[in-house]
Amino acid sequence: MDAALHAMSDQHRRVLLEALLRGPATAGELAELVPIARPGVSRHLRVLREAGLVEVEQDAQWRVYRLRPEPFAEVHQWLDGYRQIWEQRMDALHTEVARGKHQRGSTT
């Protein structure tokens, strides 16, 4: 999971991952989405591949990239604990806001 989180920490790699959410894409199509030279895009795609976030297959002269769901499921599961904390805090905030509205309404 550390490799996946590290790979996702880069802004350009996140752009590539977001594009792959819509479906498979060639390296050339992905390269058009980020303002860096093709060798840099290739390095970013290699990092994503080595982290297990994407897989690649050769289709004639094109390399087609697609997302691999397993690493994202692992990160999602890890984040669930933190999500529960966040939801508890949001529920508490909602309660305090409602309590404040109720108190303002009863004093006027």
PDB file of N, CA and C in Angstrom:
ATOM      1  N   MET A   1       0.825  -1.194   0.000  1.00  0.00           N
ATOM      2  CA  MET A   1       0.000   0.000   0.000  1.00  0.00           C
ATOM      3  C   MET A   1       0.869   1.258   0.000  1.00  0.00           C
ATOM      4  N   ASP A   2       2.040   1.213   0.617  1.00  0.00           N
ATOM      5  CA  ASP A   2       2.909   2.386   0.634  1.00  0.00           C
ATOM      6  C   ASP A   2       3.280   2.831  -0.774  1.00  0.00           C
ATOM      7  N   ALA A   3       3.562   1.874  -1.644  1.00  0.00           N
ATOM      8  CA  ALA A   3       3.923   2.211  -3.021  1.00  0.00           C
ATOM      9  C   ALA A   3       2.747   2.883  -3.730  1.00  0.00           C
ATOM     10  N   ALA A   4       1.542   2.407  -3.476  1.00  0.00           N
ATOM     11  CA  ALA A   4       0.361   3.001  -4.101  1.00  0.00           C
ATOM     12  C   ALA A   4       0.159   4.428  -3.606  1.00  0.00           C
ATOM     13  N   LEU A   5       0.275   4.646  -2.309  1.00  0.00           N
ATOM     14  CA  LEU A   5       0.105   5.996  -1.772  1.00  0.00           C
ATOM     15  C   LEU A   5       1.188   6.933  -2.288  1.00  0.00           C
ATOM     16  N   HIS A   6       2.419   6.442  -2.353  1.00  0.00           N
ATOM     17  CA  HIS A   6       3.508   7.263  -2.893  1.00  0.00           C
ATOM     18  C   HIS A   6       3.216   7.625  -4.351  1.00  0.00           C
ATOM     19  N   ALA A   7       2.789   6.653  -5.126  1.00  0.00           N
ATOM     20  CA  ALA A   7       2.501   6.906  -6.546  1.00  0.00           C
ATOM     21  C   ALA A   7       1.376   7.921  -6.702  1.00  0.00           C
ATOM     22  N   MET A   8       0.378   7.856  -5.850  1.00  0.00           N
ATOM     23  CA  MET A   8      -0.753   8.767  -5.937  1.00  0.00           C
ATOM     24  C   MET A   8      -0.427  10.160  -5.411  1.00  0.00           C
ATOM     25  N   SER A   9       0.726  10.324  -4.767  1.00  0.00           N
ATOM     26  CA  SER A   9       1.058  11.625  -4.174  1.00  0.00           C
ATOM     27  C   SER A   9       1.449  12.671  -5.205  1.00  0.00           C
ATOM     28  N   ASP A  10       1.754  12.254  -6.418  1.00  0.00           N
ATOM     29  CA  ASP A  10       2.171  13.193  -7.453  1.00  0.00           C
ATOM     30  C   ASP A  10       0.967  13.689  -8.247  1.00  0.00           C
ATOM     31  N   GLN A  11       0.911  14.994  -8.461  1.00  0.00           N
ATOM     32  CA  GLN A  11      -0.205  15.624  -9.165  1.00  0.00           C
ATOM     33  C   GLN A  11      -0.379  15.079 -10.583  1.00  0.00           C
ATOM     34  N   HIS A  12       0.697  14.908 -11.324  1.00  0.00           N
ATOM     35  CA  HIS A  12       0.589  14.425 -12.702  1.00  0.00           C
ATOM     36  C   HIS A  12       0.100  12.983 -12.739  1.00  0.00           C
ATOM     37  N   ARG A  13       0.560  12.176 -11.809  1.00  0.00           N
ATOM     38  CA  ARG A  13       0.103  10.782 -11.773  1.00  0.00           C
ATOM     39  C   ARG A  13      -1.365  10.702 -11.418  1.00  0.00           C
ATOM     40  N   ARG A  14      -1.841  11.609 -10.555  1.00  0.00           N
ATOM     41  CA  ARG A  14      -3.275  11.627 -10.241  1.00  0.00           C
ATOM     42  C   ARG A  14      -4.090  11.989 -11.472  1.00  0.00           C
ATOM     43  N   VAL A  15      -3.595  12.900 -12.294  1.00  0.00           N
ATOM     44  CA  VAL A  15      -4.291  13.247 -13.534  1.00  0.00           C
ATOM     45  C   VAL A  15      -4.398  12.007 -14.426  1.00  0.00           C
ATOM     46  N   LEU A  16      -3.306  11.259 -14.543  1.00  0.00           N
ATOM     47  CA  LEU A  16      -3.312  10.045 -15.366  1.00  0.00           C
ATOM     48  C   LEU A  16      -4.292   9.021 -14.805  1.00  0.00           C
ATOM     49  N   LEU A  17      -4.301   8.853 -13.487  1.00  0.00           N
ATOM     50  CA  LEU A  17      -5.235   7.898 -12.869  1.00  0.00           C
ATOM     51  C   LEU A  17      -6.677   8.318 -13.093  1.00  0.00           C
ATOM     52  N   GLU A  18      -6.956   9.607 -12.955  1.00  0.00           N
ATOM     53  CA  GLU A  18      -8.323  10.093 -13.167  1.00  0.00           C
ATOM     54  C   GLU A  18      -8.768   9.844 -14.604  1.00  0.00           C
ATOM     55  N   ALA A  19      -7.858  10.015 -15.546  1.00  0.00           N
ATOM     56  CA  ALA A  19      -8.195   9.745 -16.943  1.00  0.00           C
ATOM     57  C   ALA A  19      -8.512   8.261 -17.133  1.00  0.00           C
ATOM     58  N   LEU A  20      -7.779   7.414 -16.457  1.00  0.00           N
ATOM     59  CA  LEU A  20      -8.000   5.973 -16.601  1.00  0.00           C
ATOM     60  C   LEU A  20      -9.279   5.507 -15.908  1.00  0.00           C
ATOM     61  N   LEU A  21      -9.841   6.331 -15.057  1.00  0.00           N
ATOM     62  CA  LEU A  21     -11.150   6.013 -14.474  1.00  0.00           C
ATOM     63  C   LEU A  21     -12.211   5.914 -15.568  1.00  0.00           C
ATOM     64  N   ARG A  22     -12.040   6.682 -16.630  1.00  0.00           N
ATOM     65  CA  ARG A  22     -12.997   6.682 -17.737  1.00  0.00           C
ATOM     66  C   ARG A  22     -12.798   5.489 -18.659  1.00  0.00           C
ATOM     67  N   GLY A  23     -11.688   4.789 -18.495  1.00  0.00           N
ATOM     68  CA  GLY A  23     -11.437   3.617 -19.321  1.00  0.00           C
ATOM     69  C   GLY A  23      -9.991   3.563 -19.772  1.00  0.00           C
ATOM     70  N   PRO A  24      -9.623   2.465 -20.423  1.00  0.00           N
ATOM     71  CA  PRO A  24      -8.246   2.300 -20.892  1.00  0.00           C
ATOM     72  C   PRO A  24      -7.842   3.417 -21.850  1.00  0.00           C
ATOM     73  N   ALA A  25      -6.542   3.707 -21.861  1.00  0.00           N
ATOM     74  CA  ALA A  25      -6.021   4.749 -22.745  1.00  0.00           C
ATOM     75  C   ALA A  25      -4.602   4.397 -23.152  1.00  0.00           C
ATOM     76  N   THR A  26      -4.219   4.888 -24.302  1.00  0.00           N
ATOM     77  CA  THR A  26      -2.848   4.667 -24.760  1.00  0.00           C
ATOM     78  C   THR A  26      -1.914   5.649 -24.060  1.00  0.00           C
ATOM     79  N   ALA A  27      -0.633   5.330 -24.112  1.00  0.00           N
ATOM     80  CA  ALA A  27       0.365   6.215 -23.520  1.00  0.00           C
ATOM     81  C   ALA A  27       0.304   7.590 -24.182  1.00  0.00           C
ATOM     82  N   GLY A  28       0.095   7.631 -25.485  1.00  0.00           N
ATOM     83  CA  GLY A  28      -0.003   8.904 -26.193  1.00  0.00           C
ATOM     84  C   GLY A  28      -1.188   9.732 -25.745  1.00  0.00           C
ATOM     85  N   GLU A  29      -2.332   9.078 -25.556  1.00  0.00           N
ATOM     86  CA  GLU A  29      -3.523   9.797 -25.082  1.00  0.00           C
ATOM     87  C   GLU A  29      -3.292  10.364 -23.688  1.00  0.00           C
ATOM     88  N   LEU A  30      -2.647   9.588 -22.851  1.00  0.00           N
ATOM     89  CA  LEU A  30      -2.368  10.043 -21.492  1.00  0.00           C
ATOM     90  C   LEU A  30      -1.360  11.191 -21.499  1.00  0.00           C
ATOM     91  N   ALA A  31      -0.367  11.110 -22.380  1.00  0.00           N
ATOM     92  CA  ALA A  31       0.664  12.146 -22.446  1.00  0.00           C
ATOM     93  C   ALA A  31       0.074  13.503 -22.807  1.00  0.00           C
ATOM     94  N   GLU A  32      -1.017  13.517 -23.555  1.00  0.00           N
ATOM     95  CA  GLU A  32      -1.648  14.785 -23.941  1.00  0.00           C
ATOM     96  C   GLU A  32      -2.291  15.504 -22.760  1.00  0.00           C
ATOM     97  N   LEU A  33      -2.477  14.807 -21.650  1.00  0.00           N
ATOM     98  CA  LEU A  33      -3.207  15.372 -20.516  1.00  0.00           C
ATOM     99  C   LEU A  33      -2.336  16.141 -19.528  1.00  0.00           C
ATOM    100  N   VAL A  34      -1.031  15.961 -19.615  1.00  0.00           N
ATOM    101  CA  VAL A  34      -0.137  16.607 -18.652  1.00  0.00           C
ATOM    102  C   VAL A  34       0.909  17.444 -19.393  1.00  0.00           C
ATOM    103  N   PRO A  35       1.301  18.563 -18.796  1.00  0.00           N
ATOM    104  CA  PRO A  35       2.209  19.492 -19.476  1.00  0.00           C
ATOM    105  C   PRO A  35       3.684  19.130 -19.291  1.00  0.00           C
ATOM    106  N   ILE A  36       4.026  17.886 -19.563  1.00  0.00           N
ATOM    107  CA  ILE A  36       5.420  17.457 -19.444  1.00  0.00           C
ATOM    108  C   ILE A  36       5.793  16.657 -20.688  1.00  0.00           C
ATOM    109  N   ALA A  37       7.086  16.514 -20.908  1.00  0.00           N
ATOM    110  CA  ALA A  37       7.582  15.792 -22.082  1.00  0.00           C
ATOM    111  C   ALA A  37       7.253  14.306 -21.976  1.00  0.00           C
ATOM    112  N   ARG A  38       7.183  13.655 -23.113  1.00  0.00           N
ATOM    113  CA  ARG A  38       6.829  12.221 -23.157  1.00  0.00           C
ATOM    114  C   ARG A  38       7.726  11.339 -22.295  1.00  0.00           C
ATOM    115  N   PRO A  39       9.038  11.581 -22.242  1.00  0.00           N
ATOM    116  CA  PRO A  39       9.857  10.740 -21.353  1.00  0.00           C
ATOM    117  C   PRO A  39       9.423  10.851 -19.885  1.00  0.00           C
ATOM    118  N   GLY A  40       9.000  12.049 -19.492  1.00  0.00           N
ATOM    119  CA  GLY A  40       8.500  12.232 -18.124  1.00  0.00           C
ATOM    120  C   GLY A  40       7.205  11.476 -17.905  1.00  0.00           C
ATOM    121  N   VAL A  41       6.328  11.493 -18.883  1.00  0.00           N
ATOM    122  CA  VAL A  41       5.067  10.745 -18.791  1.00  0.00           C
ATOM    123  C   VAL A  41       5.379   9.252 -18.673  1.00  0.00           C
ATOM    124  N   SER A  42       6.338   8.786 -19.455  1.00  0.00           N
ATOM    125  CA  SER A  42       6.728   7.367 -19.392  1.00  0.00           C
ATOM    126  C   SER A  42       7.224   7.004 -18.002  1.00  0.00           C
ATOM    127  N   ARG A  43       7.984   7.898 -17.382  1.00  0.00           N
ATOM    128  CA  ARG A  43       8.466   7.625 -16.017  1.00  0.00           C
ATOM    129  C   ARG A  43       7.292   7.569 -15.035  1.00  0.00           C
ATOM    130  N   HIS A  44       6.344   8.489 -15.192  1.00  0.00           N
ATOM    131  CA  HIS A  44       5.173   8.481 -14.310  1.00  0.00           C
ATOM    132  C   HIS A  44       4.363   7.199 -14.499  1.00  0.00           C
ATOM    133  N   LEU A  45       4.194   6.774 -15.735  1.00  0.00           N
ATOM    134  CA  LEU A  45       3.454   5.539 -15.998  1.00  0.00           C
ATOM    135  C   LEU A  45       4.195   4.326 -15.429  1.00  0.00           C
ATOM    136  N   ARG A  46       5.511   4.353 -15.477  1.00  0.00           N
ATOM    137  CA  ARG A  46       6.288   3.256 -14.891  1.00  0.00           C
ATOM    138  C   ARG A  46       6.079   3.206 -13.374  1.00  0.00           C
ATOM    139  N   VAL A  47       6.074   4.362 -12.720  1.00  0.00           N
ATOM    140  CA  VAL A  47       5.837   4.400 -11.268  1.00  0.00           C
ATOM    141  C   VAL A  47       4.456   3.820 -10.953  1.00  0.00           C
ATOM    142  N   LEU A  48       3.453   4.212 -11.727  1.00  0.00           N
ATOM    143  CA  LEU A  48       2.098   3.694 -11.509  1.00  0.00           C
ATOM    144  C   LEU A  48       2.041   2.181 -11.730  1.00  0.00           C
ATOM    145  N   ARG A  49       2.752   1.713 -12.739  1.00  0.00           N
ATOM    146  CA  ARG A  49       2.780   0.280 -13.037  1.00  0.00           C
ATOM    147  C   ARG A  49       3.508  -0.479 -11.929  1.00  0.00           C
ATOM    148  N   GLU A  50       4.650   0.017 -11.492  1.00  0.00           N
ATOM    149  CA  GLU A  50       5.414  -0.652 -10.438  1.00  0.00           C
ATOM    150  C   GLU A  50       4.671  -0.653  -9.106  1.00  0.00           C
ATOM    151  N   ALA A  51       3.831   0.354  -8.881  1.00  0.00           N
ATOM    152  CA  ALA A  51       3.019   0.402  -7.656  1.00  0.00           C
ATOM    153  C   ALA A  51       1.810  -0.512  -7.760  1.00  0.00           C
ATOM    154  N   GLY A  52       1.581  -1.071  -8.945  1.00  0.00           N
ATOM    155  CA  GLY A  52       0.463  -1.980  -9.136  1.00  0.00           C
ATOM    156  C   GLY A  52      -0.861  -1.288  -9.408  1.00  0.00           C
ATOM    157  N   LEU A  53      -0.843   0.028  -9.613  1.00  0.00           N
ATOM    158  CA  LEU A  53      -2.081   0.772  -9.824  1.00  0.00           C
ATOM    159  C   LEU A  53      -2.623   0.627 -11.239  1.00  0.00           C
ATOM    160  N   VAL A  54      -1.724   0.404 -12.195  1.00  0.00           N
ATOM    161  CA  VAL A  54      -2.142   0.232 -13.584  1.00  0.00           C
ATOM    162  C   VAL A  54      -1.468  -1.010 -14.155  1.00  0.00           C
ATOM    163  N   GLU A  55      -2.086  -1.507 -15.204  1.00  0.00           N
ATOM    164  CA  GLU A  55      -1.467  -2.576 -15.974  1.00  0.00           C
ATOM    165  C   GLU A  55      -1.411  -2.103 -17.412  1.00  0.00           C
ATOM    166  N   VAL A  56      -0.517  -2.694 -18.166  1.00  0.00           N
ATOM    167  CA  VAL A  56      -0.322  -2.268 -19.550  1.00  0.00           C
ATOM    168  C   VAL A  56      -0.290  -3.494 -20.436  1.00  0.00           C
ATOM    169  N   GLU A  57      -0.849  -3.343 -21.621  1.00  0.00           N
ATOM    170  CA  GLU A  57      -0.752  -4.412 -22.610  1.00  0.00           C
ATOM    171  C   GLU A  57      -0.396  -3.790 -23.955  1.00  0.00           C
ATOM    172  N   GLN A  58       0.341  -4.543 -24.709  1.00  0.00           N
ATOM    173  CA  GLN A  58       0.742  -4.084 -26.039  1.00  0.00           C
ATOM    174  C   GLN A  58      -0.374  -4.405 -27.017  1.00  0.00           C
ATOM    175  N   ASP A  59      -0.798  -3.417 -27.792  1.00  0.00           N
ATOM    176  CA  ASP A  59      -1.808  -3.598 -28.836  1.00  0.00           C
ATOM    177  C   ASP A  59      -1.222  -3.016 -30.106  1.00  0.00           C
ATOM    178  N   ALA A  60      -0.647  -3.879 -30.923  1.00  0.00           N
ATOM    179  CA  ALA A  60       0.102  -3.456 -32.116  1.00  0.00           C
ATOM    180  C   ALA A  60       1.237  -2.543 -31.657  1.00  0.00           C
ATOM    181  N   GLN A  61       1.291  -1.304 -32.151  1.00  0.00           N
ATOM    182  CA  GLN A  61       2.379  -0.411 -31.744  1.00  0.00           C
ATOM    183  C   GLN A  61       2.029   0.441 -30.522  1.00  0.00           C
ATOM    184  N   TRP A  62       0.829   0.276 -29.968  1.00  0.00           N
ATOM    185  CA  TRP A  62       0.390   1.077 -28.828  1.00  0.00           C
ATOM    186  C   TRP A  62       0.501   0.303 -27.525  1.00  0.00           C
ATOM    187  N   ARG A  63       0.774   1.042 -26.483  1.00  0.00           N
ATOM    188  CA  ARG A  63       0.729   0.495 -25.120  1.00  0.00           C
ATOM    189  C   ARG A  63      -0.548   1.031 -24.497  1.00  0.00           C
ATOM    190  N   VAL A  64      -1.423   0.124 -24.094  1.00  0.00           N
ATOM    191  CA  VAL A  64      -2.722   0.512 -23.544  1.00  0.00           C
ATOM    192  C   VAL A  64      -2.685   0.290 -22.032  1.00  0.00           C
ATOM    193  N   TYR A  65      -3.016   1.341 -21.285  1.00  0.00           N
ATOM    194  CA  TYR A  65      -3.001   1.305 -19.822  1.00  0.00           C
ATOM    195  C   TYR A  65      -4.427   1.232 -19.310  1.00  0.00           C
ATOM    196  N   ARG A  66      -4.585   0.492 -18.203  1.00  0.00           N
ATOM    197  CA  ARG A  66      -5.886   0.425 -17.520  1.00  0.00           C
ATOM    198  C   ARG A  66      -5.631   0.295 -16.021  1.00  0.00           C
ATOM    199  N   LEU A  67      -6.614   0.741 -15.252  1.00  0.00           N
ATOM    200  CA  LEU A  67      -6.505   0.665 -13.788  1.00  0.00           C
ATOM    201  C   LEU A  67      -6.623  -0.770 -13.309  1.00  0.00           C
ATOM    202  N   ARG A  68      -5.938  -1.052 -12.214  1.00  0.00           N
ATOM    203  CA  ARG A  68      -6.096  -2.323 -11.498  1.00  0.00           C
ATOM    204  C   ARG A  68      -6.853  -1.994 -10.207  1.00  0.00           C
ATOM    205  N   PRO A  69      -7.991  -2.595  -9.957  1.00  0.00           N
ATOM    206  CA  PRO A  69      -8.815  -2.203  -8.803  1.00  0.00           C
ATOM    207  C   PRO A  69      -8.257  -2.637  -7.446  1.00  0.00           C
ATOM    208  N   GLU A  70      -7.463  -3.683  -7.394  1.00  0.00           N
ATOM    209  CA  GLU A  70      -7.032  -4.238  -6.100  1.00  0.00           C
ATOM    210  C   GLU A  70      -6.299  -3.235  -5.206  1.00  0.00           C
ATOM    211  N   PRO A  71      -5.313  -2.506  -5.695  1.00  0.00           N
ATOM    212  CA  PRO A  71      -4.630  -1.560  -4.801  1.00  0.00           C
ATOM    213  C   PRO A  71      -5.543  -0.456  -4.292  1.00  0.00           C
ATOM    214  N   PHE A  72      -6.493  -0.045  -5.113  1.00  0.00           N
ATOM    215  CA  PHE A  72      -7.427   0.995  -4.673  1.00  0.00           C
ATOM    216  C   PHE A  72      -8.345   0.469  -3.576  1.00  0.00           C
ATOM    217  N   ALA A  73      -8.721  -0.796  -3.665  1.00  0.00           N
ATOM    218  CA  ALA A  73      -9.548  -1.408  -2.622  1.00  0.00           C
ATOM    219  C   ALA A  73      -8.785  -1.457  -1.306  1.00  0.00           C
ATOM    220  N   GLU A  74      -7.500  -1.748  -1.383  1.00  0.00           N
ATOM    221  CA  GLU A  74      -6.673  -1.802  -0.171  1.00  0.00           C
ATOM    222  C   GLU A  74      -6.562  -0.421   0.476  1.00  0.00           C
ATOM    223  N   VAL A  75      -6.346   0.607  -0.330  1.00  0.00           N
ATOM    224  CA  VAL A  75      -6.270   1.973   0.196  1.00  0.00           C
ATOM    225  C   VAL A  75      -7.625   2.387   0.760  1.00  0.00           C
ATOM    226  N   HIS A  76      -8.699   2.041   0.061  1.00  0.00           N
ATOM    227  CA  HIS A  76     -10.050   2.357   0.522  1.00  0.00           C
ATOM    228  C   HIS A  76     -10.310   1.735   1.898  1.00  0.00           C
ATOM    229  N   GLN A  77      -9.936   0.498   2.054  1.00  0.00           N
ATOM    230  CA  GLN A  77     -10.136  -0.200   3.331  1.00  0.00           C
ATOM    231  C   GLN A  77      -9.343   0.486   4.443  1.00  0.00           C
ATOM    232  N   TRP A  78      -8.113   0.867   4.155  1.00  0.00           N
ATOM    233  CA  TRP A  78      -7.281   1.542   5.146  1.00  0.00           C
ATOM    234  C   TRP A  78      -7.891   2.883   5.543  1.00  0.00           C
ATOM    235  N   LEU A  79      -8.434   3.609   4.567  1.00  0.00           N
ATOM    236  CA  LEU A  79      -9.022   4.921   4.832  1.00  0.00           C
ATOM    237  C   LEU A  79     -10.335   4.841   5.600  1.00  0.00           C
ATOM    238  N   ASP A  80     -10.998   3.690   5.587  1.00  0.00           N
ATOM    239  CA  ASP A  80     -12.285   3.552   6.263  1.00  0.00           C
ATOM    240  C   ASP A  80     -12.225   3.952   7.731  1.00  0.00           C
ATOM    241  N   GLY A  81     -11.171   3.570   8.430  1.00  0.00           N
ATOM    242  CA  GLY A  81     -11.042   3.949   9.836  1.00  0.00           C
ATOM    243  C   GLY A  81     -11.012   5.450  10.016  1.00  0.00           C
ATOM    244  N   TYR A  82     -10.302   6.132   9.152  1.00  0.00           N
ATOM    245  CA  TYR A  82     -10.228   7.587   9.217  1.00  0.00           C
ATOM    246  C   TYR A  82     -11.544   8.224   8.792  1.00  0.00           C
ATOM    247  N   ARG A  83     -12.217   7.608   7.847  1.00  0.00           N
ATOM    248  CA  ARG A  83     -13.506   8.111   7.387  1.00  0.00           C
ATOM    249  C   ARG A  83     -14.516   8.080   8.539  1.00  0.00           C
ATOM    250  N   GLN A  84     -14.479   7.034   9.341  1.00  0.00           N
ATOM    251  CA  GLN A  84     -15.401   6.935  10.475  1.00  0.00           C
ATOM    252  C   GLN A  84     -15.160   8.063  11.471  1.00  0.00           C
ATOM    253  N   ILE A  85     -13.895   8.381  11.725  1.00  0.00           N
ATOM    254  CA  ILE A  85     -13.581   9.501  12.623  1.00  0.00           C
ATOM    255  C   ILE A  85     -14.145  10.799  12.048  1.00  0.00           C
ATOM    256  N   TRP A  86     -13.931  11.019  10.760  1.00  0.00           N
ATOM    257  CA  TRP A  86     -14.408  12.234  10.105  1.00  0.00           C
ATOM    258  C   TRP A  86     -15.933  12.316  10.184  1.00  0.00           C
ATOM    259  N   GLU A  87     -16.618  11.208   9.924  1.00  0.00           N
ATOM    260  CA  GLU A  87     -18.077  11.202   9.956  1.00  0.00           C
ATOM    261  C   GLU A  87     -18.587  11.482  11.371  1.00  0.00           C
ATOM    262  N   GLN A  88     -17.914  10.948  12.387  1.00  0.00           N
ATOM    263  CA  GLN A  88     -18.314  11.222  13.762  1.00  0.00           C
ATOM    264  C   GLN A  88     -18.183  12.711  14.069  1.00  0.00           C
ATOM    265  N   ARG A  89     -17.103  13.310  13.610  1.00  0.00           N
ATOM    266  CA  ARG A  89     -16.908  14.742  13.855  1.00  0.00           C
ATOM    267  C   ARG A  89     -17.934  15.583  13.096  1.00  0.00           C
ATOM    268  N   MET A  90     -18.262  15.174  11.892  1.00  0.00           N
ATOM    269  CA  MET A  90     -19.280  15.895  11.130  1.00  0.00           C
ATOM    270  C   MET A  90     -20.646  15.759  11.796  1.00  0.00           C
ATOM    271  N   ASP A  91     -20.963  14.584  12.317  1.00  0.00           N
ATOM    272  CA  ASP A  91     -22.220  14.390  13.039  1.00  0.00           C
ATOM    273  C   ASP A  91     -22.262  15.290  14.271  1.00  0.00           C
ATOM    274  N   ALA A  92     -21.144  15.374  14.993  1.00  0.00           N
ATOM    275  CA  ALA A  92     -21.087  16.230  16.180  1.00  0.00           C
ATOM    276  C   ALA A  92     -21.268  17.692  15.790  1.00  0.00           C
ATOM    277  N   LEU A  93     -20.649  18.109  14.689  1.00  0.00           N
ATOM    278  CA  LEU A  93     -20.811  19.484  14.214  1.00  0.00           C
ATOM    279  C   LEU A  93     -22.262  19.750  13.845  1.00  0.00           C
ATOM    280  N   HIS A  94     -22.879  18.820  13.165  1.00  0.00           N
ATOM    281  CA  HIS A  94     -24.280  18.964  12.782  1.00  0.00           C
ATOM    282  C   HIS A  94     -25.143  19.133  14.031  1.00  0.00           C
ATOM    283  N   THR A  95     -24.877  18.336  15.053  1.00  0.00           N
ATOM    284  CA  THR A  95     -25.628  18.425  16.309  1.00  0.00           C
ATOM    285  C   THR A  95     -25.456  19.799  16.942  1.00  0.00           C
ATOM    286  N   GLU A  96     -24.214  20.310  16.968  1.00  0.00           N
ATOM    287  CA  GLU A  96     -23.956  21.619  17.568  1.00  0.00           C
ATOM    288  C   GLU A  96     -24.634  22.738  16.772  1.00  0.00           C
ATOM    289  N   VAL A  97     -24.612  22.651  15.460  1.00  0.00           N
ATOM    290  CA  VAL A  97     -25.277  23.658  14.632  1.00  0.00           C
ATOM    291  C   VAL A  97     -26.777  23.633  14.885  1.00  0.00           C
ATOM    292  N   ALA A  98     -27.356  22.436  14.936  1.00  0.00           N
ATOM    293  CA  ALA A  98     -28.792  22.313  15.202  1.00  0.00           C
ATOM    294  C   ALA A  98     -29.131  22.845  16.593  1.00  0.00           C
ATOM    295  N   ARG A  99     -28.288  22.560  17.567  1.00  0.00           N
ATOM    296  CA  ARG A  99     -28.512  23.034  18.935  1.00  0.00           C
ATOM    297  C   ARG A  99     -28.457  24.564  18.966  1.00  0.00           C
ATOM    298  N   GLY A 100     -27.493  25.155  18.244  1.00  0.00           N
ATOM    299  CA  GLY A 100     -27.376  26.615  18.187  1.00  0.00           C
ATOM    300  C   GLY A 100     -28.595  27.248  17.531  1.00  0.00           C
ATOM    301  N   LYS A 101     -29.109  26.656  16.469  1.00  0.00           N
ATOM    302  CA  LYS A 101     -30.311  27.180  15.810  1.00  0.00           C
ATOM    303  C   LYS A 101     -31.496  27.093  16.742  1.00  0.00           C
ATOM    304  N   HIS A 102     -31.586  25.978  17.454  1.00  0.00           N
ATOM    305  CA  HIS A 102     -32.705  25.797  18.384  1.00  0.00           C
ATOM    306  C   HIS A 102     -32.630  26.835  19.501  1.00  0.00           C
ATOM    307  N   GLN A 103     -31.436  27.066  20.045  1.00  0.00           N
ATOM    308  CA  GLN A 103     -31.281  28.043  21.131  1.00  0.00           C
ATOM    309  C   GLN A 103     -31.575  29.450  20.645  1.00  0.00           C
ATOM    310  N   ARG A 104     -31.144  29.804  19.430  1.00  0.00           N
ATOM    311  CA  ARG A 104     -31.430  31.148  18.898  1.00  0.00           C
ATOM    312  C   ARG A 104     -32.932  31.313  18.668  1.00  0.00           C
ATOM    313  N   GLY A 105     -33.583  30.256  18.235  1.00  0.00           N
ATOM    314  CA  GLY A 105     -35.014  30.320  17.974  1.00  0.00           C
ATOM    315  C   GLY A 105     -35.830  30.457  19.252  1.00  0.00           C
ATOM    316  N   SER A 106     -35.367  29.896  20.353  1.00  0.00           N
ATOM    317  CA  SER A 106     -36.132  29.931  21.589  1.00  0.00           C
ATOM    318  C   SER A 106     -35.866  31.212  22.379  1.00  0.00           C
ATOM    319  N   THR A 107     -34.842  31.978  22.035  1.00  0.00           N
ATOM    320  CA  THR A 107     -34.564  33.215  22.776  1.00  0.00           C
ATOM    321  C   THR A 107     -35.127  34.438  22.094  1.00  0.00           C
ATOM    322  N   THR A 108     -35.710  34.297  20.916  1.00  0.00           N
ATOM    323  CA  THR A 108     -36.256  35.482  20.244  1.00  0.00           C
ATOM    324  C   THR A 108     -37.724  35.620  20.458  1.00  0.00           C
TER     325      THR A 108
END
